[in-house]
Protein backbone atom coordinates (compact mmCIF):
# COMPACT_ATOMS: atom_id res chain seq x y z
CA MET A 1 -26.46 -1.63 -13.23
CA ARG A 2 -27.27 -4.80 -10.72
CA ARG A 3 -30.91 -5.25 -12.72
CA THR A 4 -29.05 -4.79 -16.27
CA LEU A 5 -26.04 -7.49 -15.51
CA PHE A 6 -28.85 -10.30 -14.63
CA PHE A 7 -31.17 -9.32 -17.68
CA ILE A 8 -28.08 -9.87 -20.01
CA ILE A 9 -27.10 -12.87 -18.17
CA GLY A 10 -30.90 -14.00 -18.56
CA VAL A 11 -30.93 -13.65 -22.27
CA LEU A 12 -27.44 -15.41 -22.84
CA PHE A 13 -29.33 -18.24 -21.31
CA LEU A 14 -32.66 -18.17 -23.16
CA ALA A 15 -30.32 -17.70 -26.57
CA SER A 16 -27.76 -20.48 -25.40
CA THR A 17 -30.95 -22.94 -25.57
CA ALA A 18 -32.54 -21.99 -28.71
CA HIS A 19 -29.94 -22.21 -31.64
CA ALA A 20 -27.23 -24.97 -32.56
CA ILE A 21 -23.69 -24.11 -33.88
CA ARG A 22 -22.35 -25.09 -37.27
CA ILE A 23 -20.02 -27.77 -37.26
CA LYS A 24 -17.46 -25.39 -38.95
CA ASP A 25 -17.53 -22.91 -35.79
CA ILE A 26 -16.86 -25.82 -33.35
CA ALA A 27 -14.71 -28.37 -35.16
CA SER A 28 -11.67 -27.74 -37.78
CA PHE A 29 -10.02 -30.91 -39.85
CA GLU A 30 -6.70 -32.18 -39.16
CA GLY A 31 -3.85 -30.26 -40.96
CA VAL A 32 -5.88 -27.42 -42.05
CA ARG A 33 -4.50 -24.94 -39.57
CA GLU A 34 -2.78 -21.47 -39.72
CA ASN A 35 1.40 -21.62 -39.53
CA GLN A 36 3.33 -19.06 -37.91
CA LEU A 37 6.10 -17.19 -39.75
CA VAL A 38 9.00 -15.46 -38.43
CA GLY A 39 12.12 -13.25 -39.99
CA TYR A 40 14.83 -10.77 -38.79
CA GLY A 41 15.03 -7.76 -40.89
CA LEU A 42 16.13 -4.00 -40.84
CA VAL A 43 13.88 -0.79 -40.92
CA VAL A 44 15.46 2.14 -42.46
CA GLY A 45 14.85 5.78 -43.35
CA LEU A 46 13.99 6.43 -39.66
CA ASN A 47 14.76 10.19 -38.36
CA GLY A 48 17.43 9.52 -35.73
CA SER A 49 14.77 7.30 -33.86
CA GLY A 50 17.02 4.30 -34.54
CA ASP A 51 19.09 2.08 -32.32
CA SER A 52 21.85 3.23 -30.80
CA ASP A 53 25.56 2.20 -31.47
CA GLN A 54 25.16 0.00 -27.76
CA ALA A 55 22.98 -2.47 -29.74
CA PHE A 56 25.37 -3.15 -32.52
CA MET A 57 23.50 -5.82 -34.14
CA HIS A 58 21.76 -3.23 -36.75
CA ILE A 59 25.65 -2.33 -37.65
CA GLN A 60 26.64 -5.61 -38.21
CA SER A 61 23.61 -6.47 -40.29
CA VAL A 62 24.13 -3.42 -42.60
CA VAL A 63 27.52 -4.48 -43.06
CA ASN A 64 26.21 -7.80 -44.50
CA MET A 65 24.11 -6.54 -46.39
CA LEU A 66 26.35 -4.22 -48.35
CA GLU A 67 28.65 -6.81 -48.72
CA ARG A 68 26.12 -9.22 -50.43
CA MET A 69 25.93 -6.00 -52.65
CA GLY A 70 29.27 -5.73 -53.31
CA ILE A 71 29.98 -2.74 -50.83
CA THR A 72 33.07 -3.30 -48.56
CA THR A 73 32.73 -1.38 -45.49
CA ASN A 74 34.46 -0.99 -41.87
CA VAL A 75 32.20 -1.80 -39.13
CA GLY A 76 34.02 0.29 -37.01
CA SER A 77 33.46 3.50 -39.17
CA LEU A 78 29.70 3.07 -39.01
CA LYS A 79 27.61 5.41 -36.83
CA LEU A 80 23.80 4.64 -37.78
CA LYS A 81 20.91 6.46 -36.23
CA ASN A 82 18.40 6.15 -38.85
CA VAL A 83 18.43 1.95 -38.86
CA ALA A 84 16.64 -0.14 -36.48
CA ALA A 85 16.56 -4.13 -36.21
CA VAL A 86 13.20 -5.91 -36.06
CA MET A 87 11.77 -9.32 -35.96
CA VAL A 88 8.80 -9.68 -38.62
CA THR A 89 5.98 -11.81 -37.75
CA ALA A 90 3.19 -13.34 -39.95
CA THR A 91 0.49 -15.95 -40.21
CA LEU A 92 0.48 -18.03 -43.20
CA PRO A 93 -3.28 -19.35 -43.73
CA PRO A 94 -3.94 -22.73 -44.80
CA PHE A 95 -4.37 -23.36 -48.56
CA THR A 96 -2.43 -19.70 -49.67
CA LYS A 97 -1.07 -19.96 -53.14
CA GLN A 98 1.99 -18.36 -54.52
CA GLY A 99 1.50 -14.62 -54.99
CA ASN A 100 -1.06 -14.17 -52.17
CA GLN A 101 -0.28 -11.16 -49.86
CA LEU A 102 -0.20 -11.34 -46.25
CA ASP A 103 0.07 -9.04 -43.23
CA VAL A 104 2.96 -8.90 -41.31
CA THR A 105 3.62 -7.46 -37.60
CA VAL A 106 7.13 -5.38 -37.26
CA SER A 107 8.70 -5.23 -33.71
CA SER A 108 11.51 -3.51 -32.49
CA LEU A 109 14.59 -5.68 -31.31
CA GLY A 110 16.90 -3.18 -29.91
CA ASP A 111 16.47 0.38 -28.01
CA ALA A 112 15.18 2.20 -31.13
CA LYS A 113 12.64 5.22 -30.11
CA SER A 114 10.49 4.78 -32.96
CA ILE A 115 9.86 2.79 -36.23
CA ALA A 116 7.39 5.33 -37.47
CA GLY A 117 7.73 6.32 -41.14
CA GLY A 118 10.28 3.94 -41.91
CA THR A 119 10.71 1.01 -44.48
CA LEU A 120 11.33 -2.60 -44.00
CA ILE A 121 14.00 -3.86 -46.16
CA MET A 122 13.17 -7.29 -47.70
CA THR A 123 12.88 -9.91 -45.07
CA PRO A 124 12.50 -13.70 -45.73
CA LEU A 125 9.94 -15.12 -43.42
CA ARG A 126 10.72 -18.80 -42.34
CA GLY A 127 8.40 -21.46 -40.79
CA GLY A 128 9.31 -24.08 -37.92
CA ASP A 129 11.15 -26.04 -40.53
CA ASN A 130 13.12 -23.49 -41.56
CA GLN A 131 11.93 -23.16 -44.94
CA VAL A 132 11.38 -19.86 -46.46
CA TYR A 133 7.66 -19.48 -47.51
CA ALA A 134 7.16 -15.34 -47.70
CA VAL A 135 9.11 -12.35 -48.09
CA ALA A 136 8.18 -9.08 -46.52
CA GLN A 137 8.91 -5.55 -47.24
CA GLY A 138 6.97 -1.90 -47.18
CA SER A 139 6.69 0.96 -45.31
CA VAL A 140 5.93 0.58 -41.42
CA LEU A 141 2.65 2.06 -40.08
CA THR A 142 2.42 2.63 -36.33
CA ASN A 143 -0.39 5.13 -36.17
CA SER A 144 2.02 6.59 -33.49
CA PHE A 145 4.48 9.13 -32.54
CA ALA A 146 6.88 10.04 -30.10
CA PHE A 147 8.52 13.46 -29.48
CA GLY A 148 10.55 15.02 -26.42
CA GLY A 149 13.75 16.80 -25.23
CA GLN A 150 15.40 17.25 -22.11
CA ALA A 151 12.77 18.31 -20.06
CA ALA A 152 9.48 17.12 -22.01
CA SER A 153 8.11 14.42 -23.82
CA ALA A 154 5.19 13.31 -25.82
CA GLN A 155 3.96 9.89 -26.99
CA LYS A 156 0.91 8.53 -28.46
CA ASN A 157 0.23 4.77 -28.88
CA HIS A 158 3.20 2.43 -28.93
CA PRO A 159 6.00 3.72 -31.49
CA THR A 160 8.18 0.55 -31.79
CA ALA A 161 5.80 -1.71 -33.38
CA GLY A 162 3.81 -1.56 -36.53
CA THR A 163 2.20 -3.07 -39.47
CA ILE A 164 2.64 -3.62 -43.15
CA PRO A 165 -0.86 -3.94 -44.83
CA SER A 166 -0.05 -6.94 -47.72
CA GLY A 167 3.20 -6.49 -47.03
CA ALA A 168 4.40 -9.95 -47.40
CA LEU A 169 4.49 -12.15 -50.66
CA VAL A 170 3.67 -16.02 -50.32
CA GLU A 171 6.45 -17.58 -52.12
CA LYS A 172 5.90 -21.31 -51.48
CA GLU A 173 3.01 -23.31 -50.95
CA LEU A 174 1.84 -25.42 -48.19
CA PRO A 175 0.93 -29.30 -49.29
CA ASN A 176 -2.90 -29.78 -49.99
CA VAL A 177 -3.42 -31.91 -46.67
CA LEU A 178 -6.96 -33.01 -48.29
CA ALA A 179 -5.80 -34.44 -51.82
CA GLY A 180 -5.98 -37.88 -52.43
CA LYS A 181 -7.36 -38.66 -49.00
CA THR A 182 -10.27 -41.70 -48.17
CA THR A 183 -10.76 -40.55 -44.64
CA LEU A 184 -10.60 -37.04 -42.70
CA ARG A 185 -10.41 -36.31 -38.89
CA LEU A 186 -12.57 -33.53 -37.58
CA ASN A 187 -10.91 -32.15 -34.53
CA LEU A 188 -13.10 -30.67 -31.78
CA HIS A 189 -12.14 -27.17 -30.41
CA LYS A 190 -13.29 -28.31 -26.98
CA ALA A 191 -13.33 -32.15 -26.40
CA ASP A 192 -16.88 -32.93 -25.15
CA PHE A 193 -17.86 -36.84 -25.62
CA THR A 194 -22.03 -35.60 -25.78
CA THR A 195 -20.67 -33.05 -28.48
CA ALA A 196 -18.84 -35.60 -30.52
CA SER A 197 -21.45 -37.93 -30.26
CA ARG A 198 -24.01 -35.18 -31.66
CA ILE A 199 -21.62 -34.49 -34.57
CA GLU A 200 -21.29 -37.98 -35.50
CA ALA A 201 -25.11 -38.32 -35.21
CA ALA A 202 -25.73 -35.47 -37.47
CA ILE A 203 -23.12 -36.42 -40.15
CA ASN A 204 -24.45 -39.97 -40.37
CA ASN A 205 -27.84 -38.71 -40.63
CA LYS A 206 -27.37 -36.26 -43.43
CA PHE A 207 -25.61 -38.86 -45.48
CA SER A 208 -28.16 -41.46 -44.60
CA SER A 209 -24.92 -43.66 -44.38
CA SER A 210 -22.55 -44.84 -41.21
CA ILE A 211 -19.90 -42.53 -42.89
CA ALA A 212 -18.73 -40.93 -39.06
CA SER A 213 -17.33 -42.68 -36.07
CA THR A 214 -15.82 -41.56 -32.88
CA THR A 215 -12.96 -42.75 -31.02
CA ASP A 216 -12.48 -40.20 -28.34
CA PRO A 217 -14.23 -37.18 -27.44
CA GLY A 218 -11.90 -34.95 -29.44
CA SER A 219 -12.37 -35.76 -32.53
CA VAL A 220 -14.66 -37.64 -35.12
CA ILE A 221 -13.33 -39.73 -38.14
CA LEU A 222 -14.80 -39.38 -41.59
CA ARG A 223 -15.12 -41.85 -44.36
CA ILE A 224 -15.36 -40.05 -48.06
CA PRO A 225 -18.62 -41.44 -49.65
CA GLU A 226 -17.90 -42.89 -52.98
CA SER A 227 -20.27 -40.28 -54.34
CA TYR A 228 -17.62 -37.56 -53.34
CA ALA A 229 -14.60 -39.67 -54.09
CA SER A 230 -13.36 -36.74 -56.35
CA ARG A 231 -14.94 -34.05 -54.86
CA THR A 232 -13.34 -33.75 -51.49
CA VAL A 233 -13.84 -29.84 -51.25
CA ASP A 234 -17.99 -30.60 -51.81
CA PHE A 235 -17.79 -33.28 -49.55
CA VAL A 236 -16.67 -30.79 -46.53
CA ALA A 237 -18.85 -28.03 -47.41
CA ALA A 238 -21.59 -30.04 -47.39
CA LEU A 239 -21.08 -31.39 -43.78
CA GLU A 240 -19.30 -28.25 -42.09
CA THR A 241 -22.63 -26.07 -42.38
CA LEU A 242 -24.73 -28.91 -40.48
CA GLU A 243 -25.72 -27.19 -37.10
CA VAL A 244 -25.26 -29.02 -33.79
CA ARG A 245 -25.89 -28.07 -30.10
CA PRO A 246 -22.87 -28.42 -28.44
CA ASP A 247 -22.67 -29.37 -24.66
CA ASN A 248 -20.74 -27.53 -22.04
CA GLN A 249 -19.45 -28.11 -18.67
CA ALA A 250 -21.43 -26.44 -15.95
CA LYS A 251 -19.26 -23.65 -15.07
CA VAL A 252 -19.36 -20.08 -13.20
CA VAL A 253 -16.39 -17.65 -14.15
CA LEU A 254 -15.68 -14.78 -11.60
CA ASN A 255 -13.75 -12.01 -12.32
CA GLU A 256 -12.82 -10.41 -8.79
CA ARG A 257 -11.02 -7.36 -10.46
CA THR A 258 -13.88 -6.08 -13.05
CA GLY A 259 -16.85 -7.87 -10.86
CA THR A 260 -17.82 -9.71 -14.13
CA ILE A 261 -19.72 -13.04 -13.46
CA VAL A 262 -20.63 -15.35 -16.40
CA MET A 263 -22.72 -18.70 -15.65
CA GLY A 264 -23.46 -21.12 -18.11
CA GLU A 265 -26.78 -22.89 -18.54
CA ASN A 266 -26.16 -26.00 -16.79
CA VAL A 267 -25.37 -24.58 -13.37
CA ARG A 268 -27.38 -26.23 -10.62
CA ILE A 269 -27.66 -25.36 -6.88
CA SER A 270 -28.58 -28.10 -4.13
CA THR A 271 -30.75 -26.84 -1.28
CA VAL A 272 -29.08 -23.94 0.34
CA ALA A 273 -29.93 -21.14 2.51
CA VAL A 274 -28.17 -17.83 1.69
CA SER A 275 -28.16 -14.75 3.99
CA HIS A 276 -25.73 -11.81 2.96
CA GLY A 277 -25.55 -8.56 5.05
CA ASN A 278 -22.98 -5.93 5.83
CA LEU A 279 -21.70 -4.63 8.82
CA SER A 280 -20.68 -0.99 8.98
CA LEU A 281 -18.22 -0.01 11.69
CA VAL A 282 -17.24 4.00 11.84
CA ILE A 283 -14.84 5.19 14.45
CA ARG A 284 -14.01 8.96 14.54
CA GLU A 285 -11.57 10.82 16.77
CA THR A 286 -12.41 14.12 17.18
CA PRO A 287 -10.07 15.74 20.20
CA GLN A 288 -10.74 18.81 21.88
CA VAL A 289 -8.74 21.61 23.31
CA SER A 290 -9.39 22.69 27.06
CA GLN A 291 -7.62 25.50 28.28
CA PRO A 292 -7.81 27.73 31.12
CA THR A 293 -10.42 31.20 31.03
CA ALA A 294 -8.76 34.45 30.29
CA LEU A 295 -6.84 36.18 33.02
CA SER A 296 -7.06 33.35 35.24
CA THR A 297 -4.04 32.64 37.70
CA GLY A 298 -4.26 28.93 37.47
CA GLY A 299 -4.73 26.00 35.34
CA GLN A 300 -3.19 24.30 32.22
CA THR A 301 -4.29 23.74 28.41
CA VAL A 302 -4.85 19.90 27.88
CA THR A 303 -6.35 17.65 25.06
CA VAL A 304 -9.46 15.69 25.95
CA PRO A 305 -9.99 12.94 23.65
CA ARG A 306 -13.37 12.28 22.11
CA THR A 307 -14.27 9.16 20.34
CA GLU A 308 -17.81 8.87 18.31
CA LEU A 309 -18.69 5.21 17.58
CA LYS A 310 -21.17 4.22 15.20
CA VAL A 311 -22.26 0.64 14.24
CA THR A 312 -24.86 0.10 10.94
CA GLU A 313 -25.98 -3.51 10.28
CA GLU A 314 -27.69 -4.04 6.79
CA SER A 315 -30.92 -6.13 7.44
CA ARG A 316 -30.79 -8.91 4.70
CA ARG A 317 -33.66 -11.86 4.42
CA LEU A 318 -32.66 -15.58 4.69
CA MET A 319 -33.44 -16.73 0.89
CA VAL A 320 -33.70 -20.78 0.43
CA MET A 321 -32.67 -21.99 -2.91
CA PRO A 322 -34.51 -25.81 -3.61
CA GLU A 323 -32.98 -28.86 -4.84
CA GLY A 324 -31.83 -28.25 -8.32
CA ALA A 325 -32.34 -24.59 -8.66
CA SER A 326 -31.65 -23.61 -12.38
CA ILE A 327 -29.50 -20.26 -13.46
CA GLY A 328 -32.80 -18.55 -13.61
CA ASP A 329 -33.74 -19.78 -10.27
CA VAL A 330 -30.31 -18.53 -8.91
CA VAL A 331 -30.57 -15.20 -10.52
CA ARG A 332 -34.20 -14.25 -9.08
CA ALA A 333 -33.25 -15.25 -5.66
CA LEU A 334 -30.17 -13.36 -5.73
CA ASN A 335 -31.30 -10.35 -7.34
CA GLN A 336 -34.21 -10.23 -4.27
CA LEU A 337 -31.33 -10.24 -1.79
CA GLY A 338 -30.27 -6.83 -3.60
CA VAL A 339 -26.95 -8.06 -3.91
CA THR A 340 -24.19 -6.49 -6.38
CA PRO A 341 -21.98 -8.09 -8.75
CA ARG A 342 -18.97 -7.98 -6.65
CA ASP A 343 -20.83 -9.11 -3.35
CA LEU A 344 -21.90 -12.38 -5.67
CA ILE A 345 -18.62 -13.44 -6.03
CA GLY A 346 -18.14 -13.72 -1.96
CA ILE A 347 -21.91 -15.82 -2.34
CA PHE A 348 -20.97 -18.01 -4.98
CA GLN A 349 -17.40 -18.97 -3.31
CA ALA A 350 -19.50 -19.37 0.14
CA ILE A 351 -21.81 -21.92 -1.88
CA LYS A 352 -19.19 -23.91 -3.76
CA ALA A 353 -17.34 -24.18 -0.15
CA SER A 354 -20.62 -25.86 1.29
CA GLY A 355 -20.91 -28.39 -1.47
CA ALA A 356 -23.90 -26.94 -2.95
CA LEU A 357 -22.90 -25.54 -6.22
CA GLN A 358 -23.14 -28.31 -9.02
CA ALA A 359 -20.62 -26.72 -11.26
CA ASP A 360 -16.83 -25.57 -11.81
CA LEU A 361 -16.01 -22.39 -10.15
CA SER A 362 -13.05 -20.47 -12.04
CA ILE A 363 -12.00 -17.16 -10.37
CA ILE A 364 -9.70 -15.19 -13.15
């Protein structure tokens, strides 16, 4: 297990230094992003597993819906067990056109026991500007069940939330953020001075012109060449496939709950000596009973305490790591000490406290 962990870390280290990344995977154009949609709706057709009368909001919603359909009813006379109030959410991708379909997520809002087998009634989905961009409707799929009685119950997965694949139709398109522009802004997913400079150089070399410039580590300004004045899509397609090797901050991430350790390729350690050993102390109490022999005329029964003490200390060598040791040197040195992934967490914390770890230590 320990050798497998170090092998995987070594493979990741070699892979990271050998390959570059496409620009489209580390940056995106300003305005080209997804948008969140949300709506309130009703799921009907449930088998007695809907909201109870105490939730009440589903009853009021049904009354409002029936009134819009020309049916007058009394709120106090309705006893609904097959209806559940739900929140419907979806993600609207950029450049989505009218008539495209979206997947939606349906989640119970009240105290319904299950929405499995129900049908979502037509629900408008609104964006952050309160405009309706899509309408959702269809059968809810939960891939779960929940049954029970007074003394026992059975449940699989999560019955109060489900999905409707392709359950929403786009009714309104987002504006085209690329149309008619002469400049574009490329935003890095993770701001970095070195990465931004490399992207600028790669784009300028590709088009043999200084069309890219950087004003901060989080973005690159692009001037669309005259040859691409009416072909913005072709210009974007030509530059987003360019490969750049991003630069990452030296960082060590430790997960104490799972014993997972991830180290970046730029991690360096100053000269430091590391020794790791475990002290095991075992104390065992085994009281014994002392009593008079059979047919004796005197004496009494007493309990005599007895303690066994065992101390074991593992012998480990002192390992010296030289100045500027790389991640490969660190892995090999710690492997020779015979430490486990969980032991590494304590070792890295101690090295960081000594000031010898030239990297950011993050514990999650």
